[in-house]
Protein backbone atom coordinates (compact mmCIF):
# COMPACT_ATOMS: atom_id res chain seq x y z
CA MET A 1 243.54 10.36 81.21
CA LYS A 2 243.82 7.25 79.04
CA VAL A 3 241.12 6.56 76.17
CA VAL A 4 240.48 3.36 74.13
CA VAL A 5 237.46 2.78 72.02
CA ASP A 6 236.89 -1.06 71.06
CA LEU A 7 236.21 -0.60 67.28
CA THR A 8 235.42 -3.88 67.17
CA ARG A 9 232.41 -3.00 68.81
CA CYS A 10 231.70 0.59 67.99
CA GLN A 11 228.69 1.18 65.82
CA GLY A 12 228.89 4.60 64.78
CA TYR A 13 226.02 6.30 66.83
CA ALA A 14 228.25 8.92 67.53
CA GLN A 15 226.56 10.18 71.10
CA CYS A 16 230.76 10.46 72.11
CA ALA A 17 231.04 13.01 69.56
CA PHE A 18 228.23 14.80 70.72
CA ALA A 19 229.02 14.53 74.65
CA ALA A 20 232.97 15.43 74.16
CA PRO A 21 233.15 17.07 70.65
CA ASP A 22 236.94 18.10 71.64
CA VAL A 23 237.69 13.92 71.79
CA PHE A 24 235.70 11.99 69.60
CA ALA A 25 234.90 13.39 66.14
CA ILE A 26 233.23 10.92 63.27
CA HIS A 27 235.49 11.15 60.20
CA GLY A 28 233.16 10.80 57.18
CA ASP A 29 230.13 9.08 57.73
CA GLU A 30 231.00 6.40 60.45
CA ALA A 31 235.14 6.67 61.21
CA LEU A 32 235.39 7.49 64.75
CA LEU A 33 238.68 9.00 65.45
CA TYR A 34 239.24 10.44 69.10
CA ASP A 35 242.41 11.26 71.24
CA THR A 36 244.45 8.21 73.20
CA ASP A 37 245.22 11.16 76.08
CA PRO A 38 242.70 13.95 76.72
CA ASP A 39 243.49 16.75 78.85
CA ASP A 40 242.05 16.10 82.34
CA ALA A 41 239.64 19.32 81.50
CA GLN A 42 237.87 16.73 79.53
CA ARG A 43 237.55 14.42 81.88
CA GLU A 44 233.44 15.26 82.72
CA LYS A 45 233.24 15.30 79.60
CA VAL A 46 234.41 11.99 78.68
CA VAL A 47 233.19 10.14 81.42
CA ARG A 48 229.54 11.25 79.73
CA ALA A 49 230.07 9.97 77.35
CA ALA A 50 231.69 6.61 77.60
CA ALA A 51 227.95 6.35 79.79
CA ALA A 52 226.22 7.52 76.63
CA CYS A 53 227.90 5.14 74.33
CA PRO A 54 224.85 2.89 73.14
CA VAL A 55 227.40 0.12 72.95
CA GLN A 56 229.61 0.46 75.76
CA ALA A 57 232.85 1.18 73.94
CA ILE A 58 235.08 3.02 75.63
CA PHE A 59 237.09 2.22 78.36
CA LEU A 60 238.68 4.48 80.76
CA ASP A 61 241.63 4.94 83.31
CA ARG A 62 239.23 4.77 86.01
CA ASP A 63 238.60 0.80 85.26
CA ASP A 64 239.55 -0.91 88.42
CA THR A 65 241.99 -3.62 86.95
CA ARG A 66 242.52 -5.35 90.93
CA ILE A 67 238.98 -6.38 91.34
CA ARG A 68 238.95 -9.46 93.47
CA ARG A 69 236.48 -12.65 93.03
CA PRO A 70 233.79 -12.16 95.91
CA ALA A 71 235.37 -14.51 98.99
CA PRO A 72 233.74 -17.65 99.55
CA GLU A 73 231.27 -18.51 102.31
CA THR A 74 232.59 -19.00 105.86
CA HIS A 75 233.23 -22.86 106.21
CA VAL A 76 236.67 -24.04 106.50
CA THR A 77 237.43 -26.44 103.51
CA ALA A 78 241.20 -27.29 102.29
CA PRO A 79 242.30 -25.02 99.28
CA GLY A 80 242.24 -26.68 96.17
CA PRO A 81 245.63 -26.97 93.94
CA GLU A 82 244.19 -24.13 91.54
CA GLU A 83 242.91 -21.79 94.83
CA ALA A 84 246.27 -22.47 96.35
CA PHE A 85 247.88 -21.38 92.73
CA GLU A 86 245.41 -18.25 93.31
CA ARG A 87 247.58 -16.77 95.84
CA THR A 88 251.06 -18.24 95.68
CA GLY A 89 251.92 -19.13 92.09
CA ARG A 90 254.22 -17.25 89.90
CA ILE A 91 252.76 -16.33 86.04
CA VAL A 92 255.72 -14.73 83.29
CA VAL A 93 253.99 -12.46 80.58
CA VAL A 94 256.36 -12.54 77.98
CA GLY A 95 254.67 -9.61 75.28
CA ALA A 96 253.99 -6.09 76.97
CA SER A 97 251.52 -5.23 74.06
CA LEU A 98 247.75 -5.38 74.39
CA ALA A 99 247.58 -8.87 74.45
CA GLY A 100 249.99 -9.21 77.56
CA LEU A 101 248.59 -6.36 79.64
CA ARG A 102 244.45 -7.20 78.84
CA ALA A 103 245.86 -11.03 80.17
CA GLY A 104 247.25 -9.83 83.15
CA ARG A 105 243.71 -7.67 84.32
CA THR A 106 241.82 -10.17 83.57
CA LEU A 107 243.91 -12.37 85.67
CA ARG A 108 243.40 -9.49 88.50
CA ARG A 109 240.16 -9.45 88.25
CA GLU A 110 239.44 -12.87 88.33
CA GLY A 111 241.44 -13.46 91.64
CA PHE A 112 244.96 -14.05 91.23
CA THR A 113 246.96 -12.26 94.19
CA GLY A 114 250.37 -14.07 93.13
CA SER A 115 253.39 -13.01 91.49
CA LEU A 116 252.51 -11.54 88.00
CA THR A 117 255.92 -10.57 86.07
CA VAL A 118 255.40 -8.77 82.59
CA ILE A 119 258.55 -9.38 80.27
CA GLY A 120 258.88 -6.70 77.19
CA ASP A 121 261.73 -5.74 74.85
CA GLU A 122 260.32 -2.51 74.28
CA PRO A 123 261.06 0.31 76.33
CA HIS A 124 257.55 1.51 76.56
CA ALA A 125 254.62 0.64 78.74
CA PRO A 126 251.74 -1.08 76.49
CA TYR A 127 250.21 1.04 73.89
CA ASP A 128 247.76 0.89 70.90
CA ARG A 129 249.25 0.31 67.77
CA PRO A 130 246.12 1.08 65.50
CA PRO A 131 246.05 5.18 66.34
CA LEU A 132 250.17 5.08 64.94
CA SER A 133 248.53 4.66 61.10
CA LYS A 134 245.69 7.37 61.95
CA GLN A 135 245.71 9.79 64.60
CA VAL A 136 249.49 10.25 65.01
CA LEU A 137 250.13 10.49 60.83
CA MET A 138 247.63 13.56 60.95
CA GLY A 139 248.81 14.92 64.03
CA GLN A 140 245.83 14.64 66.22
CA VAL A 141 247.68 12.26 68.89
CA PRO A 142 251.11 12.64 69.36
CA ALA A 143 252.97 9.16 69.20
CA ARG A 144 253.96 9.07 73.14
CA ARG A 145 250.15 9.48 74.40
CA THR A 146 248.94 6.10 72.92
CA GLY A 147 249.71 4.78 76.05
CA LEU A 148 246.94 1.76 77.01
CA PRO A 149 244.91 2.65 80.08
CA ARG A 150 246.40 1.34 83.46
CA HIS A 151 249.06 -0.95 83.62
CA GLU A 152 250.55 0.77 86.46
CA ALA A 153 247.98 -0.48 88.85
CA LEU A 154 248.30 -4.18 87.13
CA ASP A 155 250.41 -5.21 90.54
CA ALA A 156 252.85 -6.11 88.25
CA HIS A 157 256.36 -6.81 88.08
CA TRP A 158 257.29 -4.99 84.88
CA ARG A 159 260.57 -6.21 82.89
CA LEU A 160 260.26 -3.58 80.02
CA GLY A 161 263.43 -2.82 77.74
CA VAL A 162 264.82 -6.05 78.35
CA ALA A 163 264.06 -9.04 75.58
CA ALA A 164 263.09 -12.82 75.98
CA THR A 165 265.94 -14.78 74.63
CA GLY A 166 265.32 -18.66 75.28
CA LEU A 167 263.06 -20.31 77.45
CA ASP A 168 263.90 -23.88 79.31
CA LEU A 169 260.39 -25.78 79.56
CA ARG A 170 261.82 -28.13 82.02
CA GLY A 171 263.53 -25.70 84.49
CA LYS A 172 260.48 -23.08 83.61
CA GLN A 173 262.61 -20.54 83.19
CA VAL A 174 262.59 -17.47 80.57
CA LEU A 175 265.84 -16.38 79.77
CA LEU A 176 266.84 -13.00 79.04
CA ALA A 177 268.92 -10.62 76.95
CA ASP A 178 270.90 -9.27 80.06
CA GLY A 179 271.51 -12.39 81.33
CA ALA A 180 268.47 -12.70 83.48
CA LYS A 181 266.40 -15.80 84.56
CA VAL A 182 263.35 -15.63 85.17
CA GLY A 183 261.15 -18.59 87.00
CA PHE A 184 257.61 -19.35 86.52
CA ASP A 185 254.45 -21.96 87.18
CA ARG A 186 253.15 -21.06 84.29
CA LEU A 187 253.81 -18.98 80.93
CA LEU A 188 251.85 -16.94 78.45
CA ILE A 189 253.83 -16.46 75.52
CA ALA A 190 252.16 -12.51 73.69
CA THR A 191 255.22 -11.64 71.89
CA GLY A 192 252.80 -10.78 68.66
CA VAL A 193 254.84 -9.46 65.56
CA ARG A 194 256.95 -6.83 64.03
CA SER A 195 257.40 -5.66 60.04
CA ARG A 196 258.90 -6.83 57.92
CA LEU A 197 261.96 -5.24 56.72
CA TRP A 198 263.34 -4.19 53.55
CA PRO A 199 265.04 -7.11 52.05
CA ASN A 200 267.81 -5.00 50.61
CA GLU A 201 269.99 -4.16 53.35
CA GLY A 202 271.30 -0.97 51.68
CA GLU A 203 268.74 0.17 50.47
CA ALA A 204 266.87 -0.33 53.87
CA ALA A 205 269.52 2.31 55.03
CA LEU A 206 268.69 4.86 52.69
CA ASP A 207 267.23 8.19 55.17
CA GLY A 208 263.51 8.22 54.00
CA LEU A 209 262.44 4.79 53.97
CA PHE A 210 260.09 3.80 57.05
CA ALA A 211 258.33 1.30 58.36
CA LEU A 212 255.14 1.29 60.81
CA ARG A 213 255.27 -0.31 63.70
CA THR A 214 256.46 1.51 66.84
CA PRO A 215 255.74 4.57 68.40
CA GLU A 216 259.16 5.68 67.17
CA ASP A 217 258.21 5.00 63.52
CA ALA A 218 254.93 6.55 63.96
CA GLU A 219 256.79 10.37 64.95
CA GLY A 220 259.60 9.78 62.18
CA LEU A 221 257.32 9.28 59.68
CA ARG A 222 255.13 12.06 60.76
CA GLN A 223 257.60 14.36 60.83
CA ARG A 224 259.10 13.70 57.30
CA LEU A 225 255.12 13.97 56.29
CA VAL A 226 254.94 17.59 57.76
CA ALA A 227 257.78 18.81 55.64
CA GLY A 228 256.55 18.15 52.62
CA PRO A 229 257.93 15.77 50.71
CA GLY A 230 257.04 16.16 46.77
CA ARG A 231 256.23 12.42 46.39
CA VAL A 232 255.05 9.77 49.11
CA LEU A 233 255.52 6.28 47.51
CA VAL A 234 253.63 3.09 49.75
CA VAL A 235 254.83 -0.27 49.26
CA GLY A 236 252.45 -2.50 49.62
CA ALA A 237 248.20 -2.00 50.03
CA GLY A 238 246.88 -4.64 53.23
CA PHE A 239 245.44 -2.77 56.19
CA THR A 240 248.53 -0.29 56.89
CA GLY A 241 249.29 0.76 53.50
CA CYS A 242 246.00 1.62 52.82
CA GLU A 243 245.86 3.76 56.31
CA ILE A 244 248.86 5.02 55.58
CA ALA A 245 248.16 6.37 52.33
CA SER A 246 244.51 8.02 53.33
CA ALA A 247 246.59 10.03 55.98
CA CYS A 248 248.62 11.42 53.09
CA ARG A 249 245.79 12.31 51.17
CA GLN A 250 244.26 13.90 54.21
CA LEU A 251 247.47 15.80 54.57
CA ASP A 252 246.82 16.88 50.47
CA LEU A 253 250.22 14.82 49.78
CA PRO A 254 251.12 13.43 46.55
CA VAL A 255 251.02 9.19 47.10
CA THR A 256 251.85 6.50 44.88
CA VAL A 257 250.84 2.71 46.39
CA LEU A 258 252.06 -0.14 44.53
CA GLU A 259 250.39 -3.87 45.31
CA ARG A 260 251.91 -6.96 43.31
CA GLY A 261 248.54 -8.50 44.03
CA PRO A 262 245.39 -7.83 41.74
CA ALA A 263 243.54 -4.90 44.30
CA PRO A 264 244.48 -3.49 47.58
CA LEU A 265 243.34 -6.04 50.72
CA ALA A 266 242.37 -8.47 47.84
CA GLY A 267 244.75 -10.63 50.56
CA ALA A 268 242.26 -9.89 53.61
CA LEU A 269 238.95 -9.26 51.74
CA GLY A 270 239.39 -11.21 48.01
CA ALA A 271 239.67 -9.18 44.93
CA VAL A 272 236.13 -8.29 44.63
CA ILE A 273 235.98 -6.24 47.59
CA GLY A 274 239.99 -5.08 46.81
CA GLY A 275 238.06 -3.81 43.74
CA VAL A 276 236.15 -1.63 45.50
CA ALA A 277 238.54 -0.29 48.16
CA ALA A 278 240.73 0.36 44.61
CA GLN A 279 238.28 2.23 42.99
CA MET A 280 237.89 4.11 46.75
CA GLN A 281 241.33 4.92 46.32
CA ARG A 282 241.89 6.31 42.84
CA ASP A 283 238.74 8.71 43.56
CA ASN A 284 240.53 10.23 46.69
CA GLY A 285 243.88 11.28 44.45
CA VAL A 286 245.62 8.11 45.53
CA ASP A 287 248.41 6.73 42.56
CA LEU A 288 247.68 3.19 42.85
CA ARG A 289 249.66 1.16 40.55
CA CYS A 290 248.80 -2.97 41.18
CA GLY A 291 250.42 -5.71 40.12
CA VAL A 292 253.48 -3.86 40.13
CA ARG A 293 256.68 -3.70 42.82
CA VAL A 294 259.99 -2.17 43.29
CA GLU A 295 263.25 -3.36 41.52
CA SER A 296 265.04 -0.56 43.41
CA LEU A 297 265.85 2.22 45.40
CA GLU A 298 267.91 4.78 45.26
CA GLY A 299 270.00 7.61 47.15
CA ASP A 300 271.59 10.62 46.80
CA ASP A 301 275.47 10.72 47.57
CA SER A 302 274.53 12.07 50.94
CA GLY A 303 272.40 8.67 51.35
CA ARG A 304 269.02 10.66 51.35
CA LEU A 305 266.20 8.45 49.33
CA ARG A 306 265.45 10.57 45.73
CA ARG A 307 264.29 7.80 43.20
CA ALA A 308 262.23 4.35 42.73
CA ARG A 309 262.92 2.35 39.76
CA LEU A 310 259.78 0.09 39.64
CA SER A 311 258.65 -3.44 37.65
CA ASP A 312 256.28 -2.04 34.86
CA GLY A 313 259.50 0.12 33.81
CA SER A 314 258.86 3.27 34.80
CA THR A 315 261.09 5.61 37.59
CA LEU A 316 259.21 7.85 40.51
CA ASP A 317 260.87 10.98 42.56
CA VAL A 318 260.10 10.19 46.00
CA GLU A 319 261.57 11.19 49.12
CA VAL A 320 259.55 9.17 51.79
CA ALA A 321 258.47 5.83 51.33
CA VAL A 322 256.87 3.65 53.62
CA ALA A 323 257.79 -0.70 53.82
CA ALA A 324 254.09 -1.51 54.11
CA LEU A 325 255.26 -5.33 53.69
CA GLY A 326 253.68 -7.41 56.63
CA SER A 327 254.61 -8.57 59.14
CA ILE A 328 256.65 -11.63 60.94
CA ARG A 329 255.83 -13.09 64.41
CA ASN A 330 258.42 -12.90 67.19
CA VAL A 331 259.32 -16.49 67.54
CA GLU A 332 262.95 -16.29 67.38
CA TRP A 333 263.51 -16.47 71.35
CA LEU A 334 261.69 -20.10 71.14
CA GLU A 335 264.46 -22.21 69.19
CA GLY A 336 264.85 -25.30 70.44
CA SER A 337 262.19 -24.85 73.45
CA GLY A 338 260.43 -27.28 72.22
CA LEU A 339 257.26 -25.61 71.04
CA ALA A 340 255.55 -25.57 67.89
CA ALA A 341 256.94 -22.33 67.33
CA GLY A 342 257.71 -21.11 64.09
CA ALA A 343 257.20 -18.84 60.62
CA TRP A 344 253.64 -19.65 61.37
CA GLY A 345 253.60 -18.60 64.88
CA VAL A 346 252.79 -20.73 68.00
CA ALA A 347 250.33 -23.64 67.64
CA CYS A 348 248.27 -23.66 70.51
CA ASP A 349 244.68 -25.51 70.99
CA ALA A 350 241.30 -23.93 71.08
CA GLY A 351 241.94 -22.92 74.96
CA CYS A 352 245.46 -21.05 73.99
CA ARG A 353 247.51 -23.91 75.56
CA ALA A 354 250.45 -24.35 73.64
CA VAL A 355 251.35 -27.65 71.55
CA ASP A 356 254.91 -29.15 71.95
CA VAL A 357 256.60 -29.93 68.92
CA ASN A 358 255.03 -33.82 68.78
CA GLY A 359 251.73 -32.02 68.69
CA VAL A 360 251.02 -32.62 72.62
CA VAL A 361 249.34 -30.19 74.21
CA THR A 362 251.10 -28.21 77.58
CA ASP A 363 249.87 -27.32 80.83
CA ASP A 364 251.52 -24.17 81.85
CA VAL A 365 252.08 -22.61 78.71
CA PHE A 366 249.46 -20.53 77.03
CA VAL A 367 249.36 -18.15 73.63
CA ALA A 368 247.62 -15.46 72.55
CA GLY A 369 247.06 -12.60 70.57
CA ASP A 370 249.10 -11.93 67.09
CA VAL A 371 251.68 -15.18 67.77
CA ALA A 372 249.17 -17.49 68.03
CA ARG A 373 247.90 -19.93 65.76
CA CYS A 374 244.74 -21.71 66.95
CA PRO A 375 242.73 -23.77 65.52
CA HIS A 376 238.88 -22.50 65.09
CA PRO A 377 235.77 -24.88 64.97
CA VAL A 378 233.78 -22.74 62.56
CA TYR A 379 236.21 -22.61 60.28
CA ASP A 380 237.03 -26.22 59.50
CA TYR A 381 238.91 -26.82 62.54
CA GLN A 382 241.97 -24.97 60.83
CA TYR A 383 244.61 -23.22 62.16
CA LEU A 384 244.67 -19.49 61.92
CA SER A 385 246.38 -16.67 62.75
CA LEU A 386 244.71 -13.39 62.89
CA GLU A 387 246.32 -9.83 63.52
CA HIS A 388 244.09 -8.03 65.00
CA TRP A 389 242.80 -5.96 68.25
CA GLY A 390 239.70 -7.80 68.68
CA ASN A 391 241.10 -11.42 68.34
CA ALA A 392 243.89 -9.91 71.00
CA VAL A 393 241.64 -8.87 73.79
CA ALA A 394 239.43 -11.70 73.26
CA GLN A 395 241.88 -14.71 73.06
CA ALA A 396 244.33 -12.91 76.02
CA GLU A 397 241.07 -13.10 78.25
CA ILE A 398 240.41 -16.48 77.31
CA ALA A 399 243.88 -17.64 78.32
CA ALA A 400 244.21 -15.80 81.54
CA HIS A 401 240.61 -17.59 82.52
CA ASN A 402 242.34 -21.05 81.68
CA MET A 403 245.25 -20.48 83.22
CA ILE A 404 243.69 -19.96 86.73
CA SER A 405 240.73 -22.50 85.67
CA GLY A 406 240.95 -25.91 86.46
CA GLU A 407 240.21 -28.24 83.97
CA GLY A 408 236.30 -28.64 83.75
CA GLU A 409 235.94 -24.87 84.45
CA ARG A 410 238.31 -23.71 81.01
CA TRP A 411 236.81 -22.09 77.70
CA PRO A 412 237.53 -22.57 74.42
CA HIS A 413 238.11 -19.34 72.27
CA LEU A 414 235.09 -19.24 69.87
CA ALA A 415 234.97 -15.65 68.98
CA LEU A 416 234.76 -14.69 65.45
CA PRO A 417 236.92 -12.75 64.02
CA GLU A 418 236.70 -9.49 63.85
CA PHE A 419 238.79 -6.13 62.57
CA TRP A 420 237.95 -2.59 61.44
CA SER A 421 240.47 0.18 59.17
CA THR A 422 239.35 4.02 58.94
CA GLN A 423 240.55 5.25 55.39
CA PHE A 424 239.25 7.56 53.01
CA GLY A 425 236.29 8.78 55.36
CA THR A 426 235.32 5.00 55.31
CA GLU A 427 234.79 2.73 58.20
CA ILE A 428 235.70 -0.88 56.98
CA LYS A 429 234.91 -3.15 59.31
CA SER A 430 234.49 -7.73 59.16
CA VAL A 431 233.30 -10.24 61.16
CA GLY A 432 234.69 -13.84 60.45
CA VAL A 433 237.17 -14.82 57.80
CA PRO A 434 236.14 -13.39 54.04
CA THR A 435 239.26 -15.16 52.74
CA HIS A 436 237.31 -18.61 54.36
CA ALA A 437 235.29 -18.56 51.29
CA ASP A 438 234.05 -18.93 47.38
CA HIS A 439 231.74 -16.93 46.59
CA VAL A 440 230.25 -12.97 47.77
CA VAL A 441 227.30 -11.22 47.46
CA ILE A 442 226.68 -7.46 47.98
CA ALA A 443 223.55 -8.30 50.32
CA GLN A 444 222.32 -4.38 51.53
CA GLY A 445 223.28 -0.84 50.47
CA SER A 446 225.40 0.59 47.44
CA VAL A 447 228.75 -0.11 46.58
CA ALA A 448 228.52 3.27 44.17
CA GLU A 449 228.05 4.90 47.57
CA ARG A 450 230.25 3.10 49.63
CA ARG A 451 227.84 2.13 52.35
CA PHE A 452 226.76 -1.56 51.76
CA VAL A 453 227.56 -5.10 53.47
CA ALA A 454 228.98 -7.88 51.52
CA VAL A 455 228.29 -11.09 52.60
CA TYR A 456 230.82 -14.37 52.06
CA GLY A 457 230.22 -17.83 51.43
CA TYR A 458 231.90 -21.06 51.71
CA HIS A 459 230.29 -24.44 50.42
CA GLY A 460 226.83 -23.12 51.01
CA ARG A 461 226.92 -21.53 54.29
CA ILE A 462 227.95 -17.53 55.38
CA THR A 463 231.16 -17.73 56.54
CA ALA A 464 231.85 -13.65 57.20
CA ALA A 465 230.15 -10.14 56.03
CA VAL A 466 231.87 -6.84 55.83
CA GLY A 467 230.79 -3.43 56.01
CA PHE A 468 231.87 -0.28 54.21
CA ASN A 469 230.12 2.48 56.69
CA GLN A 470 227.26 -0.04 57.72
CA SER A 471 228.86 -1.22 61.00
CA LYS A 472 225.64 -1.74 62.73
CA TRP A 473 224.58 -4.90 60.86
CA LEU A 474 227.69 -6.33 61.72
CA GLU A 475 226.12 -8.04 65.20
CA PHE A 476 223.04 -9.23 62.72
CA TYR A 477 225.64 -11.26 60.44
CA ALA A 478 227.56 -12.28 63.03
CA GLY A 479 224.54 -14.64 64.56
CA LEU A 480 224.16 -15.87 61.05
CA ILE A 481 227.79 -17.24 61.17
CA ASP A 482 227.46 -18.69 64.28
CA ARG A 483 224.18 -21.07 63.35
CA ALA A 484 225.90 -21.80 59.83
CA ALA A 485 222.97 -19.89 58.24
CA PRO A 486 222.59 -20.36 54.33
CA PHE A 487 224.58 -18.61 51.70
CA PRO A 488 223.32 -16.74 49.75
CA PRO A 489 221.15 -14.84 52.33
CA SER A 490 217.40 -15.24 51.25
CA PHE A 491 216.04 -12.71 53.58
CA ARG A 492 214.56 -9.49 52.78
CA THR A 493 215.83 -5.88 53.42
CA THR A 494 214.66 -2.49 52.49
CA ASP A 495 218.25 -1.63 51.07
CA ARG A 496 218.82 -4.90 49.26
CA PRO A 497 220.38 -4.78 45.72
CA THR A 498 218.10 -5.46 42.73
CA ASP A 499 221.04 -7.27 41.13
CA ALA A 500 222.60 -9.21 44.10
CA ARG A 501 223.81 -12.43 42.92
CA PRO A 502 226.66 -13.93 44.11
CA VAL A 503 230.30 -13.76 42.44
CA ALA A 504 233.22 -15.75 42.84
CA ALA A 505 234.82 -13.69 45.91
CA GLY A 506 238.83 -13.62 44.14
CA VAL A 507 240.41 -15.06 47.71
CA PRO A 508 243.92 -15.48 47.23
CA ASP A 509 245.59 -19.41 47.51
CA ARG A 510 247.19 -18.47 50.57
CA PRO A 511 250.02 -21.20 51.30
CA THR A 512 250.52 -22.21 54.82
CA PRO A 513 254.10 -21.78 55.93
CA HIS A 514 255.17 -25.20 56.10
CA ALA A 515 257.15 -27.09 58.86
CA THR A 516 260.13 -29.45 58.48
CA VAL A 517 260.17 -31.79 61.06
CA VAL A 518 262.68 -34.76 61.58
CA VAL A 519 260.75 -37.82 63.56
CA THR A 520 263.42 -40.34 65.34
CA GLY A 521 263.07 -43.36 67.25
CA HIS A 522 260.92 -47.08 66.90
CA GLY A 523 258.42 -48.00 69.77
CA PRO A 524 255.68 -45.14 70.71
CA SER A 525 257.65 -44.44 74.09
CA GLU A 526 260.44 -43.23 71.73
CA ARG A 527 258.61 -41.47 68.88
CA ARG A 528 259.93 -38.12 69.09
CA ALA A 529 259.58 -35.32 66.88
CA THR A 530 262.19 -32.23 66.03
CA LEU A 531 261.61 -28.82 64.18
CA VAL A 532 264.46 -28.40 61.96
CA ARG A 533 265.67 -24.52 62.37
CA ARG A 534 264.69 -22.39 59.73
CA THR A 535 265.40 -18.56 58.96
CA TYR A 536 262.73 -15.74 59.75
CA LEU A 537 262.43 -13.78 56.74
């Protein structure tokens, strides 16, 4: 059976660990790890665990994805265009991902009975990526058992292992690498992101250098870690890099982490809370070096990685290195399509409808997940690209609903961004956008004990909250963000620090990838924009 836990919703009550201890386990104080594909002998216990979860965050493969809307009253009326589309329309989803699968399930649940095609460039059915850098690396779950529940019950035509190479908007066709063309009435783009590769082609070919994005990546890295390398080098201290370092220390492997910025996670949480993450790494035996980069990687005569030369003049003997350099949005296939797609992703409105190069919203093309760039009213209507599990789920459900709804029934995507990370026995969770802030304050708990809530503010209002082993509080802070509550928070709590004073958050300036556009034509009916082709690095 397949199990997925929505860890953005989980609050660490641990009822599941009591009900099914062979499947669910609390690591540290609140960090939940679980078997994504337990043996059928555990089914009864897992079902009880799902029922006992106070926040209903556990999803099993017994969910019925083919629920239909209730039948209308038995009076005869001519079907409207949306009702007719629900029965006979053709929807194509490009991206056999978490977002693509969740959108397909939502379409079926809300009554779409027409043709549904899901296209994916990987040969796998949709799988869950968070376990790859946690349970898989630690040997708790094989990489092949990270599949998401019930893709086979979706009643869809699956085109797996073949990439989309182009989009003909006028002809309403998706072009595939095998030469096929798939027609659609409405299209969902959910192609996500891929790992940024090592920039030096010769060094990238060294045996022992890994990225971590796919099950094959995770399985290959796991095998090298089990072999007991003398030292592992992790280049980049974002969430993936930090989780890999955590797995290495749990396996009792020496690990060095290099971060070009001032602290781990500084790009996501700011330098102040990043400093807390830095101390947590050092307390757990990580050789963390900030402000340092790799000058070169070197191998032996057989092409095996042996050492790294660093910008501080030092040299490390390493047998395994992981490039955790961030991600690239999968948009190359949209070159020349007429959509506003580039290094920033695919622009869309708050209803997930794609925007074309002229800035005009399209009617039949939608976007969801990591590849989407969507305006959020709470954050000054800035366009945000969010690479988080919860955002992929929420945005996919909104996009799917809007694809089969009339104009007056469409919903905006206004969910607050949420993410989680499990590292060094600590559950780090966030609600809101911490980088949309000028100050931060420790509102509750103790930094020294790694149990606290940091609240972020921008121009006098609360914009985000981050909890270290304090996930139960985040729903409360989400309500404050929704209400634009004043910053700093003035309410009293039993665990409020005596010196709770706001400080500069240390949020980095984040340059937005720019678009180069050429505008032609004179009169309003002739003016058109064209994106200049760019290289995606």
